């Protein structure tokens, strides 16, 4: 009986490890992009003349989340879709946002081709 219980415990532990390895917990999502840029929308649409502190905090958080090329490609695709969906967003403001917030979001300049090489 003990050996069966021990075997089941090991098997369950291996299943949990496999599930955790299949999708990294820190993988970027469109929800992350939307949430972190939500405070920037008035600025990006030209309704505010400056980016807020909350906006820049979100931009810098996105920089931290974009640890892998895959994460940056996902963020790029999500941002591209947001720009298409939201009328009035200025591309020049999107391009300038990372530097205004002292962040490096290399994918912002790649919105036309998010599947390319992403530094």
PDB file of N, CA and C in Angstrom:
ATOM      1  N   UNK A   1       0.816  -1.182   0.000  1.00  0.00           N
ATOM      2  CA  UNK A   1       0.000   0.000   0.000  1.00  0.00           C
ATOM      3  C   UNK A   1       0.866   1.255   0.000  1.00  0.00           C
ATOM      4  N   UNK A   2       1.912   1.238   0.847  1.00  0.00           N
ATOM      5  CA  UNK A   2       2.780   2.403   0.936  1.00  0.00           C
ATOM      6  C   UNK A   2       3.456   2.703  -0.389  1.00  0.00           C
ATOM      7  N   UNK A   3       3.892   1.652  -1.077  1.00  0.00           N
ATOM      8  CA  UNK A   3       4.590   1.869  -2.347  1.00  0.00           C
ATOM      9  C   UNK A   3       3.645   2.440  -3.403  1.00  0.00           C
ATOM     10  N   UNK A   4       2.390   2.056  -3.388  1.00  0.00           N
ATOM     11  CA  UNK A   4       1.405   2.599  -4.318  1.00  0.00           C
ATOM     12  C   UNK A   4       1.173   4.079  -4.011  1.00  0.00           C
ATOM     13  N   UNK A   5       1.041   4.425  -2.735  1.00  0.00           N
ATOM     14  CA  UNK A   5       0.837   5.815  -2.339  1.00  0.00           C
ATOM     15  C   UNK A   5       2.054   6.653  -2.714  1.00  0.00           C
ATOM     16  N   UNK A   6       3.234   6.121  -2.481  1.00  0.00           N
ATOM     17  CA  UNK A   6       4.459   6.854  -2.830  1.00  0.00           C
ATOM     18  C   UNK A   6       4.553   7.042  -4.339  1.00  0.00           C
ATOM     19  N   UNK A   7       4.226   6.003  -5.106  1.00  0.00           N
ATOM     20  CA  UNK A   7       4.254   6.096  -6.563  1.00  0.00           C
ATOM     21  C   UNK A   7       3.274   7.157  -7.062  1.00  0.00           C
ATOM     22  N   UNK A   8       2.067   7.180  -6.500  1.00  0.00           N
ATOM     23  CA  UNK A   8       1.052   8.169  -6.897  1.00  0.00           C
ATOM     24  C   UNK A   8       1.505   9.577  -6.554  1.00  0.00           C
ATOM     25  N   UNK A   9       2.152   9.740  -5.416  1.00  0.00           N
ATOM     26  CA  UNK A   9       2.655  11.055  -5.015  1.00  0.00           C
ATOM     27  C   UNK A   9       3.730  11.537  -5.982  1.00  0.00           C
ATOM     28  N   UNK A  10       4.640  10.658  -6.347  1.00  0.00           N
ATOM     29  CA  UNK A  10       5.684  11.010  -7.305  1.00  0.00           C
ATOM     30  C   UNK A  10       5.076  11.337  -8.665  1.00  0.00           C
ATOM     31  N   UNK A  11       4.125  10.540  -9.097  1.00  0.00           N
ATOM     32  CA  UNK A  11       3.460  10.765 -10.379  1.00  0.00           C
ATOM     33  C   UNK A  11       2.734  12.104 -10.395  1.00  0.00           C
ATOM     34  N   UNK A  12       2.044  12.415  -9.327  1.00  0.00           N
ATOM     35  CA  UNK A  12       1.342  13.692  -9.215  1.00  0.00           C
ATOM     36  C   UNK A  12       2.335  14.853  -9.236  1.00  0.00           C
ATOM     37  N   UNK A  13       3.426  14.701  -8.522  1.00  0.00           N
ATOM     38  CA  UNK A  13       4.467  15.737  -8.517  1.00  0.00           C
ATOM     39  C   UNK A  13       5.043  15.968  -9.905  1.00  0.00           C
ATOM     40  N   UNK A  14       5.274  14.894 -10.645  1.00  0.00           N
ATOM     41  CA  UNK A  14       5.800  15.021 -12.006  1.00  0.00           C
ATOM     42  C   UNK A  14       4.788  15.717 -12.912  1.00  0.00           C
ATOM     43  N   UNK A  15       3.512  15.428 -12.750  1.00  0.00           N
ATOM     44  CA  UNK A  15       2.475  16.068 -13.560  1.00  0.00           C
ATOM     45  C   UNK A  15       2.435  17.570 -13.301  1.00  0.00           C
ATOM     46  N   UNK A  16       2.559  17.952 -12.039  1.00  0.00           N
ATOM     47  CA  UNK A  16       2.568  19.379 -11.697  1.00  0.00           C
ATOM     48  C   UNK A  16       3.775  20.069 -12.323  1.00  0.00           C
ATOM     49  N   UNK A  17       4.935  19.461 -12.241  1.00  0.00           N
ATOM     50  CA  UNK A  17       6.143  20.032 -12.835  1.00  0.00           C
ATOM     51  C   UNK A  17       5.983  20.179 -14.343  1.00  0.00           C
ATOM     52  N   UNK A  18       5.422  19.189 -15.001  1.00  0.00           N
ATOM     53  CA  UNK A  18       5.211  19.261 -16.450  1.00  0.00           C
ATOM     54  C   UNK A  18       4.245  20.380 -16.817  1.00  0.00           C
ATOM     55  N   UNK A  19       3.182  20.541 -16.030  1.00  0.00           N
ATOM     56  CA  UNK A  19       2.223  21.601 -16.308  1.00  0.00           C
ATOM     57  C   UNK A  19       2.873  22.973 -16.129  1.00  0.00           C
ATOM     58  N   UNK A  20       3.695  23.118 -15.130  1.00  0.00           N
ATOM     59  CA  UNK A  20       4.353  24.401 -14.886  1.00  0.00           C
ATOM     60  C   UNK A  20       5.368  24.697 -15.975  1.00  0.00           C
ATOM     61  N   UNK A  21       6.015  23.682 -16.490  1.00  0.00           N
ATOM     62  CA  UNK A  21       7.032  23.881 -17.514  1.00  0.00           C
ATOM     63  C   UNK A  21       6.418  24.182 -18.873  1.00  0.00           C
ATOM     64  N   UNK A  22       5.174  23.802 -19.097  1.00  0.00           N
ATOM     65  CA  UNK A  22       4.573  23.982 -20.408  1.00  0.00           C
ATOM     66  C   UNK A  22       4.246  25.435 -20.712  1.00  0.00           C
ATOM     67  N   UNK A  23       3.961  26.258 -19.708  1.00  0.00           N
ATOM     68  CA  UNK A  23       3.680  27.677 -19.927  1.00  0.00           C
ATOM     69  C   UNK A  23       4.300  28.469 -18.801  1.00  0.00           C
ATOM     70  N   UNK A  24       5.286  29.297 -19.115  1.00  0.00           N
ATOM     71  CA  UNK A  24       5.936  30.073 -18.070  1.00  0.00           C
ATOM     72  C   UNK A  24       4.933  30.993 -17.374  1.00  0.00           C
ATOM     73  N   UNK A  25       5.087  31.130 -16.079  1.00  0.00           N
ATOM     74  CA  UNK A  25       4.168  31.957 -15.306  1.00  0.00           C
ATOM     75  C   UNK A  25       4.277  33.429 -15.694  1.00  0.00           C
ATOM     76  N   UNK A  26       5.438  33.843 -16.162  1.00  0.00           N
ATOM     77  CA  UNK A  26       5.652  35.244 -16.475  1.00  0.00           C
ATOM     78  C   UNK A  26       5.414  35.578 -17.940  1.00  0.00           C
ATOM     79  N   UNK A  27       4.793  34.692 -18.707  1.00  0.00           N
ATOM     80  CA  UNK A  27       4.574  34.941 -20.131  1.00  0.00           C
ATOM     81  C   UNK A  27       3.682  36.160 -20.317  1.00  0.00           C
ATOM     82  N   UNK A  28       4.037  36.988 -21.285  1.00  0.00           N
ATOM     83  CA  UNK A  28       3.311  38.215 -21.601  1.00  0.00           C
ATOM     84  C   UNK A  28       1.963  37.880 -22.215  1.00  0.00           C
ATOM     85  N   UNK A  29       0.963  38.704 -21.936  1.00  0.00           N
ATOM     86  CA  UNK A  29      -0.357  38.538 -22.532  1.00  0.00           C
ATOM     87  C   UNK A  29      -0.880  39.904 -22.962  1.00  0.00           C
ATOM     88  N   UNK A  30      -1.912  39.908 -23.801  1.00  0.00           N
ATOM     89  CA  UNK A  30      -2.538  41.165 -24.207  1.00  0.00           C
ATOM     90  C   UNK A  30      -3.156  41.873 -23.005  1.00  0.00           C
ATOM     91  N   UNK A  31      -3.610  41.110 -22.046  1.00  0.00           N
ATOM     92  CA  UNK A  31      -4.139  41.706 -20.820  1.00  0.00           C
ATOM     93  C   UNK A  31      -3.077  42.516 -20.097  1.00  0.00           C
ATOM     94  N   UNK A  32      -1.836  42.008 -20.080  1.00  0.00           N
ATOM     95  CA  UNK A  32      -0.726  42.749 -19.470  1.00  0.00           C
ATOM     96  C   UNK A  32      -0.487  44.067 -20.188  1.00  0.00           C
ATOM     97  N   UNK A  33      -0.499  44.021 -21.513  1.00  0.00           N
ATOM     98  CA  UNK A  33      -0.259  45.223 -22.309  1.00  0.00           C
ATOM     99  C   UNK A  33      -1.371  46.239 -22.062  1.00  0.00           C
ATOM    100  N   UNK A  34      -2.613  45.785 -22.157  1.00  0.00           N
ATOM    101  CA  UNK A  34      -3.749  46.690 -21.946  1.00  0.00           C
ATOM    102  C   UNK A  34      -3.733  47.296 -20.550  1.00  0.00           C
ATOM    103  N   UNK A  35      -3.494  46.468 -19.552  1.00  0.00           N
ATOM    104  CA  UNK A  35      -3.494  46.942 -18.171  1.00  0.00           C
ATOM    105  C   UNK A  35      -2.387  47.975 -17.941  1.00  0.00           C
ATOM    106  N   UNK A  36      -1.200  47.670 -18.426  1.00  0.00           N
ATOM    107  CA  UNK A  36      -0.068  48.552 -18.170  1.00  0.00           C
ATOM    108  C   UNK A  36      -0.096  49.836 -18.990  1.00  0.00           C
ATOM    109  N   UNK A  37      -0.802  49.832 -20.099  1.00  0.00           N
ATOM    110  CA  UNK A  37      -0.892  51.052 -20.911  1.00  0.00           C
ATOM    111  C   UNK A  37      -2.215  51.794 -20.728  1.00  0.00           C
ATOM    112  N   UNK A  38      -3.083  51.293 -19.875  1.00  0.00           N
ATOM    113  CA  UNK A  38      -4.401  51.927 -19.714  1.00  0.00           C
ATOM    114  C   UNK A  38      -4.279  53.383 -19.270  1.00  0.00           C
ATOM    115  N   UNK A  39      -3.305  53.701 -18.450  1.00  0.00           N
ATOM    116  CA  UNK A  39      -3.126  55.075 -17.975  1.00  0.00           C
ATOM    117  C   UNK A  39      -2.497  55.977 -19.043  1.00  0.00           C
ATOM    118  N   UNK A  40      -2.086  55.393 -20.166  1.00  0.00           N
ATOM    119  CA  UNK A  40      -1.440  56.163 -21.235  1.00  0.00           C
ATOM    120  C   UNK A  40      -2.411  56.559 -22.348  1.00  0.00           C
ATOM    121  N   UNK A  41      -3.607  56.029 -22.340  1.00  0.00           N
ATOM    122  CA  UNK A  41      -4.499  56.214 -23.481  1.00  0.00           C
ATOM    123  C   UNK A  41      -4.839  57.672 -23.762  1.00  0.00           C
ATOM    124  N   UNK A  42      -5.057  58.490 -22.748  1.00  0.00           N
ATOM    125  CA  UNK A  42      -5.365  59.904 -22.986  1.00  0.00           C
ATOM    126  C   UNK A  42      -4.183  60.591 -23.651  1.00  0.00           C
ATOM    127  N   UNK A  43      -2.979  60.255 -23.218  1.00  0.00           N
ATOM    128  CA  UNK A  43      -1.783  60.832 -23.835  1.00  0.00           C
ATOM    129  C   UNK A  43      -1.646  60.348 -25.279  1.00  0.00           C
ATOM    130  N   UNK A  44      -1.783  59.042 -25.491  1.00  0.00           N
ATOM    131  CA  UNK A  44      -1.600  58.480 -26.831  1.00  0.00           C
ATOM    132  C   UNK A  44      -2.629  59.009 -27.827  1.00  0.00           C
ATOM    133  N   UNK A  45      -3.814  59.328 -27.334  1.00  0.00           N
ATOM    134  CA  UNK A  45      -4.865  59.856 -28.201  1.00  0.00           C
ATOM    135  C   UNK A  45      -4.764  61.375 -28.378  1.00  0.00           C
ATOM    136  N   UNK A  46      -3.786  61.999 -27.730  1.00  0.00           N
ATOM    137  CA  UNK A  46      -3.594  63.441 -27.875  1.00  0.00           C
ATOM    138  C   UNK A  46      -4.513  64.285 -27.016  1.00  0.00           C
ATOM    139  N   UNK A  47      -5.185  63.675 -26.077  1.00  0.00           N
ATOM    140  CA  UNK A  47      -6.097  64.429 -25.208  1.00  0.00           C
ATOM    141  C   UNK A  47      -5.397  64.977 -23.978  1.00  0.00           C
ATOM    142  N   UNK A  48      -4.218  64.452 -23.661  1.00  0.00           N
ATOM    143  CA  UNK A  48      -3.357  64.977 -22.605  1.00  0.00           C
ATOM    144  C   UNK A  48      -2.054  65.391 -23.246  1.00  0.00           C
ATOM    145  N   UNK A  49      -1.502  66.485 -22.802  1.00  0.00           N
ATOM    146  CA  UNK A  49      -0.260  66.972 -23.382  1.00  0.00           C
ATOM    147  C   UNK A  49       0.984  66.288 -22.846  1.00  0.00           C
ATOM    148  N   UNK A  50       0.825  65.491 -21.814  1.00  0.00           N
ATOM    149  CA  UNK A  50       1.972  64.818 -21.217  1.00  0.00           C
ATOM    150  C   UNK A  50       1.554  63.435 -20.729  1.00  0.00           C
ATOM    151  N   UNK A  51       2.533  62.571 -20.563  1.00  0.00           N
ATOM    152  CA  UNK A  51       2.270  61.230 -20.039  1.00  0.00           C
ATOM    153  C   UNK A  51       2.327  61.306 -18.513  1.00  0.00           C
ATOM    154  N   UNK A  52       1.418  60.640 -17.865  1.00  0.00           N
ATOM    155  CA  UNK A  52       1.348  60.683 -16.401  1.00  0.00           C
ATOM    156  C   UNK A  52       2.392  59.756 -15.775  1.00  0.00           C
ATOM    157  N   UNK A  53       2.595  59.943 -14.489  1.00  0.00           N
ATOM    158  CA  UNK A  53       3.486  59.063 -13.737  1.00  0.00           C
ATOM    159  C   UNK A  53       2.971  57.632 -13.780  1.00  0.00           C
ATOM    160  N   UNK A  54       1.653  57.469 -13.635  1.00  0.00           N
ATOM    161  CA  UNK A  54       1.055  56.123 -13.680  1.00  0.00           C
ATOM    162  C   UNK A  54       1.287  55.475 -15.044  1.00  0.00           C
ATOM    163  N   UNK A  55       1.200  56.269 -16.103  1.00  0.00           N
ATOM    164  CA  UNK A  55       1.463  55.765 -17.445  1.00  0.00           C
ATOM    165  C   UNK A  55       2.897  55.249 -17.532  1.00  0.00           C
ATOM    166  N   UNK A  56       3.842  56.067 -17.105  1.00  0.00           N
ATOM    167  CA  UNK A  56       5.254  55.669 -17.187  1.00  0.00           C
ATOM    168  C   UNK A  56       5.561  54.464 -16.297  1.00  0.00           C
ATOM    169  N   UNK A  57       4.900  54.376 -15.157  1.00  0.00           N
ATOM    170  CA  UNK A  57       5.076  53.180 -14.317  1.00  0.00           C
ATOM    171  C   UNK A  57       4.638  51.933 -15.071  1.00  0.00           C
ATOM    172  N   UNK A  58       3.534  52.022 -15.799  1.00  0.00           N
ATOM    173  CA  UNK A  58       3.062  50.896 -16.597  1.00  0.00           C
ATOM    174  C   UNK A  58       4.019  50.555 -17.729  1.00  0.00           C
ATOM    175  N   UNK A  59       4.564  51.575 -18.387  1.00  0.00           N
ATOM    176  CA  UNK A  59       5.519  51.353 -19.480  1.00  0.00           C
ATOM    177  C   UNK A  59       6.769  50.658 -18.940  1.00  0.00           C
ATOM    178  N   UNK A  60       7.273  51.116 -17.812  1.00  0.00           N
ATOM    179  CA  UNK A  60       8.466  50.490 -17.223  1.00  0.00           C
ATOM    180  C   UNK A  60       8.173  49.060 -16.753  1.00  0.00           C
ATOM    181  N   UNK A  61       6.946  48.805 -16.310  1.00  0.00           N
ATOM    182  CA  UNK A  61       6.584  47.440 -15.924  1.00  0.00           C
ATOM    183  C   UNK A  61       6.541  46.533 -17.156  1.00  0.00           C
ATOM    184  N   UNK A  62       6.025  47.051 -18.269  1.00  0.00           N
ATOM    185  CA  UNK A  62       6.034  46.269 -19.515  1.00  0.00           C
ATOM    186  C   UNK A  62       7.457  45.935 -19.937  1.00  0.00           C
ATOM    187  N   UNK A  63       8.362  46.869 -19.730  1.00  0.00           N
ATOM    188  CA  UNK A  63       9.768  46.615 -20.061  1.00  0.00           C
ATOM    189  C   UNK A  63      10.275  45.402 -19.283  1.00  0.00           C
ATOM    190  N   UNK A  64       9.939  45.313 -18.016  1.00  0.00           N
ATOM    191  CA  UNK A  64      10.365  44.178 -17.186  1.00  0.00           C
ATOM    192  C   UNK A  64       9.703  42.875 -17.633  1.00  0.00           C
ATOM    193  N   UNK A  65       8.430  42.952 -18.043  1.00  0.00           N
ATOM    194  CA  UNK A  65       7.715  41.750 -18.475  1.00  0.00           C
ATOM    195  C   UNK A  65       8.232  41.206 -19.805  1.00  0.00           C
ATOM    196  N   UNK A  66       8.815  42.062 -20.630  1.00  0.00           N
ATOM    197  CA  UNK A  66       9.288  41.643 -21.945  1.00  0.00           C
ATOM    198  C   UNK A  66      10.675  41.031 -21.912  1.00  0.00           C
ATOM    199  N   UNK A  67      10.841  40.001 -21.112  1.00  0.00           N
ATOM    200  CA  UNK A  67      12.154  39.406 -20.898  1.00  0.00           C
ATOM    201  C   UNK A  67      12.631  38.550 -22.074  1.00  0.00           C
ATOM    202  N   UNK A  68      11.708  37.953 -22.804  1.00  0.00           N
ATOM    203  CA  UNK A  68      12.097  37.062 -23.899  1.00  0.00           C
ATOM    204  C   UNK A  68      11.622  37.620 -25.237  1.00  0.00           C
ATOM    205  N   UNK A  69      12.194  37.112 -26.305  1.00  0.00           N
ATOM    206  CA  UNK A  69      11.760  37.515 -27.645  1.00  0.00           C
ATOM    207  C   UNK A  69      10.284  37.193 -27.834  1.00  0.00           C
ATOM    208  N   UNK A  70       9.841  36.049 -27.344  1.00  0.00           N
ATOM    209  CA  UNK A  70       8.430  35.665 -27.455  1.00  0.00           C
ATOM    210  C   UNK A  70       7.551  36.689 -26.751  1.00  0.00           C
ATOM    211  N   UNK A  71       7.937  37.090 -25.541  1.00  0.00           N
ATOM    212  CA  UNK A  71       7.157  38.090 -24.800  1.00  0.00           C
ATOM    213  C   UNK A  71       7.071  39.407 -25.564  1.00  0.00           C
ATOM    214  N   UNK A  72       8.184  39.821 -26.150  1.00  0.00           N
ATOM    215  CA  UNK A  72       8.199  41.084 -26.896  1.00  0.00           C
ATOM    216  C   UNK A  72       7.354  40.983 -28.155  1.00  0.00           C
ATOM    217  N   UNK A  73       7.342  39.829 -28.801  1.00  0.00           N
ATOM    218  CA  UNK A  73       6.491  39.650 -29.992  1.00  0.00           C
ATOM    219  C   UNK A  73       5.011  39.686 -29.615  1.00  0.00           C
ATOM    220  N   UNK A  74       4.660  39.043 -28.518  1.00  0.00           N
ATOM    221  CA  UNK A  74       3.273  39.071 -28.051  1.00  0.00           C
ATOM    222  C   UNK A  74       2.865  40.506 -27.731  1.00  0.00           C
ATOM    223  N   UNK A  75       3.716  41.220 -27.005  1.00  0.00           N
ATOM    224  CA  UNK A  75       3.417  42.611 -26.653  1.00  0.00           C
ATOM    225  C   UNK A  75       3.291  43.473 -27.902  1.00  0.00           C
ATOM    226  N   UNK A  76       4.138  43.251 -28.877  1.00  0.00           N
ATOM    227  CA  UNK A  76       4.098  43.988 -30.133  1.00  0.00           C
ATOM    228  C   UNK A  76       2.770  43.749 -30.848  1.00  0.00           C
ATOM    229  N   UNK A  77       2.376  42.478 -30.974  1.00  0.00           N
ATOM    230  CA  UNK A  77       1.096  42.146 -31.617  1.00  0.00           C
ATOM    231  C   UNK A  77      -0.077  42.788 -30.880  1.00  0.00           C
ATOM    232  N   UNK A  78      -0.053  42.722 -29.569  1.00  0.00           N
ATOM    233  CA  UNK A  78      -1.143  43.290 -28.766  1.00  0.00           C
ATOM    234  C   UNK A  78      -1.204  44.805 -28.927  1.00  0.00           C
ATOM    235  N   UNK A  79      -0.061  45.448 -28.879  1.00  0.00           N
ATOM    236  CA  UNK A  79      -0.026  46.902 -29.029  1.00  0.00           C
ATOM    237  C   UNK A  79      -0.484  47.311 -30.423  1.00  0.00           C
ATOM    238  N   UNK A  80      -0.077  46.555 -31.426  1.00  0.00           N
ATOM    239  CA  UNK A  80      -0.501  46.847 -32.798  1.00  0.00           C
ATOM    240  C   UNK A  80      -2.023  46.756 -32.913  1.00  0.00           C
ATOM    241  N   UNK A  81      -2.619  45.740 -32.316  1.00  0.00           N
ATOM    242  CA  UNK A  81      -4.074  45.588 -32.355  1.00  0.00           C
ATOM    243  C   UNK A  81      -4.772  46.706 -31.579  1.00  0.00           C
ATOM    244  N   UNK A  82      -4.196  47.117 -30.479  1.00  0.00           N
ATOM    245  CA  UNK A  82      -4.775  48.223 -29.702  1.00  0.00           C
ATOM    246  C   UNK A  82      -4.760  49.508 -30.515  1.00  0.00           C
ATOM    247  N   UNK A  83      -3.656  49.773 -31.194  1.00  0.00           N
ATOM    248  CA  UNK A  83      -3.547  50.980 -32.017  1.00  0.00           C
ATOM    249  C   UNK A  83      -4.583  50.943 -33.142  1.00  0.00           C
ATOM    250  N   UNK A  84      -4.794  49.786 -33.749  1.00  0.00           N
ATOM    251  CA  UNK A  84      -5.800  49.652 -34.813  1.00  0.00           C
ATOM    252  C   UNK A  84      -7.214  49.858 -34.279  1.00  0.00           C
ATOM    253  N   UNK A  85      -7.468  49.304 -33.109  1.00  0.00           N
ATOM    254  CA  UNK A  85      -8.805  49.314 -32.524  1.00  0.00           C
ATOM    255  C   UNK A  85      -9.199  50.688 -31.976  1.00  0.00           C
ATOM    256  N   UNK A  86      -8.242  51.412 -31.426  1.00  0.00           N
ATOM    257  CA  UNK A  86      -8.522  52.703 -30.803  1.00  0.00           C
ATOM    258  C   UNK A  86      -8.290  53.814 -31.823  1.00  0.00           C
ATOM    259  N   UNK A  87      -9.342  54.482 -32.208  1.00  0.00           N
ATOM    260  CA  UNK A  87      -9.221  55.570 -33.176  1.00  0.00           C
ATOM    261  C   UNK A  87      -8.593  56.789 -32.509  1.00  0.00           C
ATOM    262  N   UNK A  88      -7.743  57.458 -33.249  1.00  0.00           N
ATOM    263  CA  UNK A  88      -7.150  58.694 -32.760  1.00  0.00           C
ATOM    264  C   UNK A  88      -5.823  58.541 -32.054  1.00  0.00           C
ATOM    265  N   UNK A  89      -5.321  57.316 -31.923  1.00  0.00           N
ATOM    266  CA  UNK A  89      -4.020  57.147 -31.278  1.00  0.00           C
ATOM    267  C   UNK A  89      -2.941  57.596 -32.250  1.00  0.00           C
ATOM    268  N   UNK A  90      -2.081  58.451 -31.773  1.00  0.00           N
ATOM    269  CA  UNK A  90      -1.007  59.001 -32.587  1.00  0.00           C
ATOM    270  C   UNK A  90       0.188  58.051 -32.605  1.00  0.00           C
ATOM    271  N   UNK A  91       0.589  57.631 -33.813  1.00  0.00           N
ATOM    272  CA  UNK A  91       1.762  56.752 -33.925  1.00  0.00           C
ATOM    273  C   UNK A  91       3.019  57.425 -33.398  1.00  0.00           C
ATOM    274  N   UNK A  92       3.132  58.737 -33.593  1.00  0.00           N
ATOM    275  CA  UNK A  92       4.331  59.427 -33.104  1.00  0.00           C
ATOM    276  C   UNK A  92       4.367  59.413 -31.571  1.00  0.00           C
ATOM    277  N   UNK A  93       3.210  59.495 -30.948  1.00  0.00           N
ATOM    278  CA  UNK A  93       3.178  59.427 -29.479  1.00  0.00           C
ATOM    279  C   UNK A  93       3.491  58.011 -28.998  1.00  0.00           C
ATOM    280  N   UNK A  94       3.019  57.006 -29.713  1.00  0.00           N
ATOM    281  CA  UNK A  94       3.356  55.622 -29.361  1.00  0.00           C
ATOM    282  C   UNK A  94       4.862  55.435 -29.471  1.00  0.00           C
ATOM    283  N   UNK A  95       5.455  55.920 -30.557  1.00  0.00           N
ATOM    284  CA  UNK A  95       6.903  55.784 -30.763  1.00  0.00           C
ATOM    285  C   UNK A  95       7.713  56.488 -29.690  1.00  0.00           C
ATOM    286  N   UNK A  96       7.227  57.643 -29.237  1.00  0.00           N
ATOM    287  CA  UNK A  96       8.004  58.437 -28.283  1.00  0.00           C
ATOM    288  C   UNK A  96       7.794  58.026 -26.829  1.00  0.00           C
ATOM    289  N   UNK A  97       6.752  57.275 -26.554  1.00  0.00           N
ATOM    290  CA  UNK A  97       6.410  56.950 -25.163  1.00  0.00           C
ATOM    291  C   UNK A  97       7.537  56.269 -24.382  1.00  0.00           C
ATOM    292  N   UNK A  98       8.198  55.249 -24.916  1.00  0.00           N
ATOM    293  CA  UNK A  98       9.263  54.617 -24.128  1.00  0.00           C
ATOM    294  C   UNK A  98      10.364  55.600 -23.710  1.00  0.00           C
ATOM    295  N   UNK A  99      10.824  56.429 -24.617  1.00  0.00           N
ATOM    296  CA  UNK A  99      11.898  57.355 -24.249  1.00  0.00           C
ATOM    297  C   UNK A  99      11.406  58.405 -23.253  1.00  0.00           C
ATOM    298  N   UNK A 100      10.163  58.849 -23.388  1.00  0.00           N
ATOM    299  CA  UNK A 100       9.615  59.821 -22.448  1.00  0.00           C
ATOM    300  C   UNK A 100       9.493  59.225 -21.046  1.00  0.00           C
ATOM    301  N   UNK A 101       9.367  57.911 -20.973  1.00  0.00           N
ATOM    302  CA  UNK A 101       9.233  57.231 -19.685  1.00  0.00           C
ATOM    303  C   UNK A 101      10.531  56.551 -19.250  1.00  0.00           C
ATOM    304  N   UNK A 102      11.620  56.827 -19.938  1.00  0.00           N
ATOM    305  CA  UNK A 102      12.930  56.236 -19.621  1.00  0.00           C
ATOM    306  C   UNK A 102      12.863  54.712 -19.589  1.00  0.00           C
ATOM    307  N   UNK A 103      12.276  54.166 -20.636  1.00  0.00           N
ATOM    308  CA  UNK A 103      12.145  52.706 -20.750  1.00  0.00           C
ATOM    309  C   UNK A 103      12.598  52.277 -22.140  1.00  0.00           C
ATOM    310  N   UNK A 104      12.932  51.006 -22.262  1.00  0.00           N
ATOM    311  CA  UNK A 104      13.310  50.445 -23.552  1.00  0.00           C
ATOM    312  C   UNK A 104      12.274  49.405 -23.950  1.00  0.00           C
ATOM    313  N   UNK A 105      11.417  49.792 -24.877  1.00  0.00           N
ATOM    314  CA  UNK A 105      10.438  48.865 -25.442  1.00  0.00           C
ATOM    315  C   UNK A 105      10.737  48.791 -26.929  1.00  0.00           C
ATOM    316  N   UNK A 106      11.705  47.977 -27.285  1.00  0.00           N
ATOM    317  CA  UNK A 106      12.175  47.920 -28.665  1.00  0.00           C
ATOM    318  C   UNK A 106      11.060  47.580 -29.642  1.00  0.00           C
ATOM    319  N   UNK A 107      10.073  46.829 -29.211  1.00  0.00           N
ATOM    320  CA  UNK A 107       9.021  46.399 -30.126  1.00  0.00           C
ATOM    321  C   UNK A 107       8.104  47.530 -30.559  1.00  0.00           C
ATOM    322  N   UNK A 108       8.116  48.644 -29.884  1.00  0.00           N
ATOM    323  CA  UNK A 108       7.265  49.771 -30.273  1.00  0.00           C
ATOM    324  C   UNK A 108       7.624  50.234 -31.680  1.00  0.00           C
ATOM    325  N   UNK A 109       8.887  50.171 -32.050  1.00  0.00           N
ATOM    326  CA  UNK A 109       9.301  50.598 -33.386  1.00  0.00           C
ATOM    327  C   UNK A 109       9.082  49.514 -34.438  1.00  0.00           C
ATOM    328  N   UNK A 110       8.628  48.335 -34.033  1.00  0.00           N
ATOM    329  CA  UNK A 110       8.432  47.214 -34.952  1.00  0.00           C
ATOM    330  C   UNK A 110       6.958  46.892 -35.180  1.00  0.00           C
ATOM    331  N   UNK A 111       6.054  47.794 -34.873  1.00  0.00           N
ATOM    332  CA  UNK A 111       4.631  47.468 -34.923  1.00  0.00           C
ATOM    333  C   UNK A 111       4.158  46.994 -36.291  1.00  0.00           C
ATOM    334  N   UNK A 112       4.858  47.366 -37.358  1.00  0.00           N
ATOM    335  CA  UNK A 112       4.465  46.921 -38.690  1.00  0.00           C
ATOM    336  C   UNK A 112       4.870  45.485 -38.984  1.00  0.00           C
ATOM    337  N   UNK A 113       5.839  44.968 -38.233  1.00  0.00           N
ATOM    338  CA  UNK A 113       6.300  43.599 -38.466  1.00  0.00           C
ATOM    339  C   UNK A 113       6.766  42.964 -37.148  1.00  0.00           C
ATOM    340  N   UNK A 114       5.799  42.574 -36.351  1.00  0.00           N
ATOM    341  CA  UNK A 114       6.076  42.023 -35.028  1.00  0.00           C
ATOM    342  C   UNK A 114       6.713  40.640 -35.053  1.00  0.00           C
ATOM    343  N   UNK A 115       6.674  39.967 -36.203  1.00  0.00           N
ATOM    344  CA  UNK A 115       7.251  38.627 -36.273  1.00  0.00           C
ATOM    345  C   UNK A 115       8.721  38.625 -36.630  1.00  0.00           C
ATOM    346  N   UNK A 116       9.304  39.789 -36.849  1.00  0.00           N
ATOM    347  CA  UNK A 116      10.724  39.884 -37.204  1.00  0.00           C
ATOM    348  C   UNK A 116      11.616  39.723 -35.991  1.00  0.00           C
ATOM    349  N   UNK A 117      12.907  39.962 -36.209  1.00  0.00           N
ATOM    350  CA  UNK A 117      13.853  39.906 -35.092  1.00  0.00           C
ATOM    351  C   UNK A 117      13.485  41.005 -34.106  1.00  0.00           C
ATOM    352  N   UNK A 118      13.496  40.671 -32.856  1.00  0.00           N
ATOM    353  CA  UNK A 118      13.041  41.580 -31.816  1.00  0.00           C
ATOM    354  C   UNK A 118      14.128  41.693 -30.758  1.00  0.00           C
ATOM    355  N   UNK A 119      14.901  42.775 -30.794  1.00  0.00           N
ATOM    356  CA  UNK A 119      15.980  42.924 -29.789  1.00  0.00           C
ATOM    357  C   UNK A 119      15.432  43.094 -28.392  1.00  0.00           C
TER     358      UNK A 119
END
